[in-house]
Amino acid sequence: MNSTTLRKGLLAATITASALFFGQQGIAQGIDSTAKKIGKKTASVANKTANKTASVAVKGAMKITDKTYKGKEGPNGETVYIDKTDRKYYVDDKGKKVYLKPSEIRDKQEK
């Protein structure tokens, strides 16, 4: 074989291998970014579901263990509970107790 032919063949093989390698990397990155987007959406839905579940569970437990402040509501119309130490609070969307100042409690609005 001629050395010129050998060089041309080796150059063609190198270019082909490089094109295949970089082409596959681009495809893999596309799949990876799509997987990340799907993962973020799934995580968002899971967080919303977990927050709602926690909120419902805490509210159910509070109806049993603590008193409901009759005729009063929180700043955004939430049900106000009174704990055993006479502190007033409501349960937020994430299931956490938010303690209220006396100025934040108002008479219940008729709907």
Protein backbone atom coordinates (compact mmCIF):
# COMPACT_ATOMS: atom_id res chain seq x y z
CA MET A 1 0.00 0.00 0.00
CA ASN A 2 1.06 3.52 -0.69
CA SER A 3 1.78 5.81 2.29
CA THR A 4 -0.44 8.56 0.83
CA THR A 5 -3.39 6.18 0.57
CA LEU A 6 -2.72 4.98 4.10
CA ARG A 7 -2.69 8.56 5.42
CA LYS A 8 -5.94 9.41 3.63
CA GLY A 9 -7.61 6.30 5.01
CA LEU A 10 -6.37 7.01 8.54
CA LEU A 11 -7.56 10.64 8.28
CA ALA A 12 -11.00 9.53 7.04
CA ALA A 13 -11.30 7.00 9.88
CA THR A 14 -10.31 9.64 12.46
CA ILE A 15 -12.84 12.16 11.12
CA THR A 16 -15.60 9.51 11.07
CA ALA A 17 -14.83 8.39 14.63
CA SER A 18 -14.79 12.00 15.86
CA ALA A 19 -18.11 12.77 14.17
CA LEU A 20 -19.74 9.69 15.71
CA PHE A 21 -18.35 10.46 19.16
CA PHE A 22 -19.48 14.11 19.22
CA GLY A 23 -22.83 13.24 17.65
CA GLN A 24 -23.61 10.74 20.39
CA GLN A 25 -22.63 13.25 23.07
CA GLY A 26 -25.13 15.76 21.66
CA ILE A 27 -27.90 13.16 21.70
CA ALA A 28 -27.04 12.13 25.25
CA GLN A 29 -27.15 15.76 26.41
CA GLY A 30 -30.60 16.17 24.82
CA ILE A 31 -31.89 13.12 26.66
CA ASP A 32 -30.27 14.29 29.91
CA SER A 33 -31.87 17.76 29.76
CA THR A 34 -35.28 16.25 28.95
CA ALA A 35 -34.94 13.90 31.92
CA LYS A 36 -34.09 16.86 34.18
CA LYS A 37 -37.18 18.76 33.02
CA ILE A 38 -39.41 15.75 33.67
CA GLY A 39 -37.77 15.25 37.07
CA LYS A 40 -38.44 18.86 38.07
CA LYS A 41 -42.11 18.63 37.08
CA THR A 42 -42.51 15.34 38.93
CA ALA A 43 -40.82 16.79 42.02
CA SER A 44 -43.11 19.82 41.89
CA VAL A 45 -46.23 17.64 41.80
CA ALA A 46 -44.85 15.44 44.58
CA ASN A 47 -44.16 18.49 46.77
CA LYS A 48 -47.66 19.86 46.24
CA THR A 49 -49.18 16.48 47.10
CA ALA A 50 -46.98 16.09 50.19
CA ASN A 51 -47.83 19.61 51.39
CA LYS A 52 -51.55 19.03 50.95
CA THR A 53 -51.35 15.68 52.77
CA ALA A 54 -49.42 17.24 55.66
CA SER A 55 -51.87 20.13 55.90
CA VAL A 56 -54.91 17.84 55.99
CA ALA A 57 -53.28 15.54 58.56
CA VAL A 58 -52.31 18.40 60.87
CA LYS A 59 -55.73 20.03 60.59
CA GLY A 60 -57.40 16.72 61.43
CA ALA A 61 -55.18 16.24 64.46
CA MET A 62 -55.80 19.81 65.64
CA LYS A 63 -59.57 19.33 65.53
CA ILE A 64 -59.13 16.46 67.97
CA THR A 65 -56.43 17.83 70.31
CA ASP A 66 -57.01 21.59 70.30
CA LYS A 67 -60.04 23.84 70.51
CA THR A 68 -61.41 25.76 67.55
CA TYR A 69 -61.77 29.49 68.16
CA LYS A 70 -65.48 29.89 67.39
CA GLY A 71 -66.55 33.01 65.49
CA LYS A 72 -62.96 34.04 64.69
CA GLU A 73 -60.68 33.56 61.70
CA GLY A 74 -57.08 34.20 60.66
CA PRO A 75 -55.80 36.96 58.38
CA ASN A 76 -56.85 35.14 55.20
CA GLY A 77 -59.98 33.40 56.51
CA GLU A 78 -58.20 30.39 58.06
CA THR A 79 -59.66 28.43 60.95
CA VAL A 80 -58.03 29.51 64.22
CA TYR A 81 -57.14 26.92 66.86
CA ILE A 82 -56.26 27.38 70.54
CA ASP A 83 -53.58 25.09 72.03
CA LYS A 84 -53.31 23.96 75.65
CA THR A 85 -51.19 27.01 76.58
CA ASP A 86 -53.89 29.34 75.17
CA ARG A 87 -51.87 30.36 72.11
CA LYS A 88 -53.84 31.00 68.92
CA TYR A 89 -52.66 29.66 65.56
CA TYR A 90 -53.76 28.44 62.14
CA VAL A 91 -52.34 25.72 59.89
CA ASP A 92 -50.77 26.92 56.60
CA ASP A 93 -50.73 25.16 53.21
CA LYS A 94 -47.60 23.20 54.13
CA GLY A 95 -49.07 21.85 57.36
CA LYS A 96 -47.14 24.16 59.72
CA LYS A 97 -48.61 26.00 62.67
CA VAL A 98 -48.52 29.78 62.29
CA TYR A 99 -49.02 31.51 65.64
CA LEU A 100 -51.10 34.68 65.59
CA LYS A 101 -50.90 37.99 67.39
CA PRO A 102 -54.18 39.25 68.86
CA SER A 103 -54.28 41.95 66.18
CA GLU A 104 -54.25 39.30 63.43
CA ILE A 105 -57.40 37.55 64.64
CA ARG A 106 -60.66 38.93 63.33
CA ASP A 107 -64.38 38.17 63.53
CA LYS A 108 -65.52 35.56 61.04
CA GLN A 109 -66.88 37.06 57.82
CA GLU A 110 -70.28 35.85 56.64
CA LYS A 111 -70.10 34.41 53.13
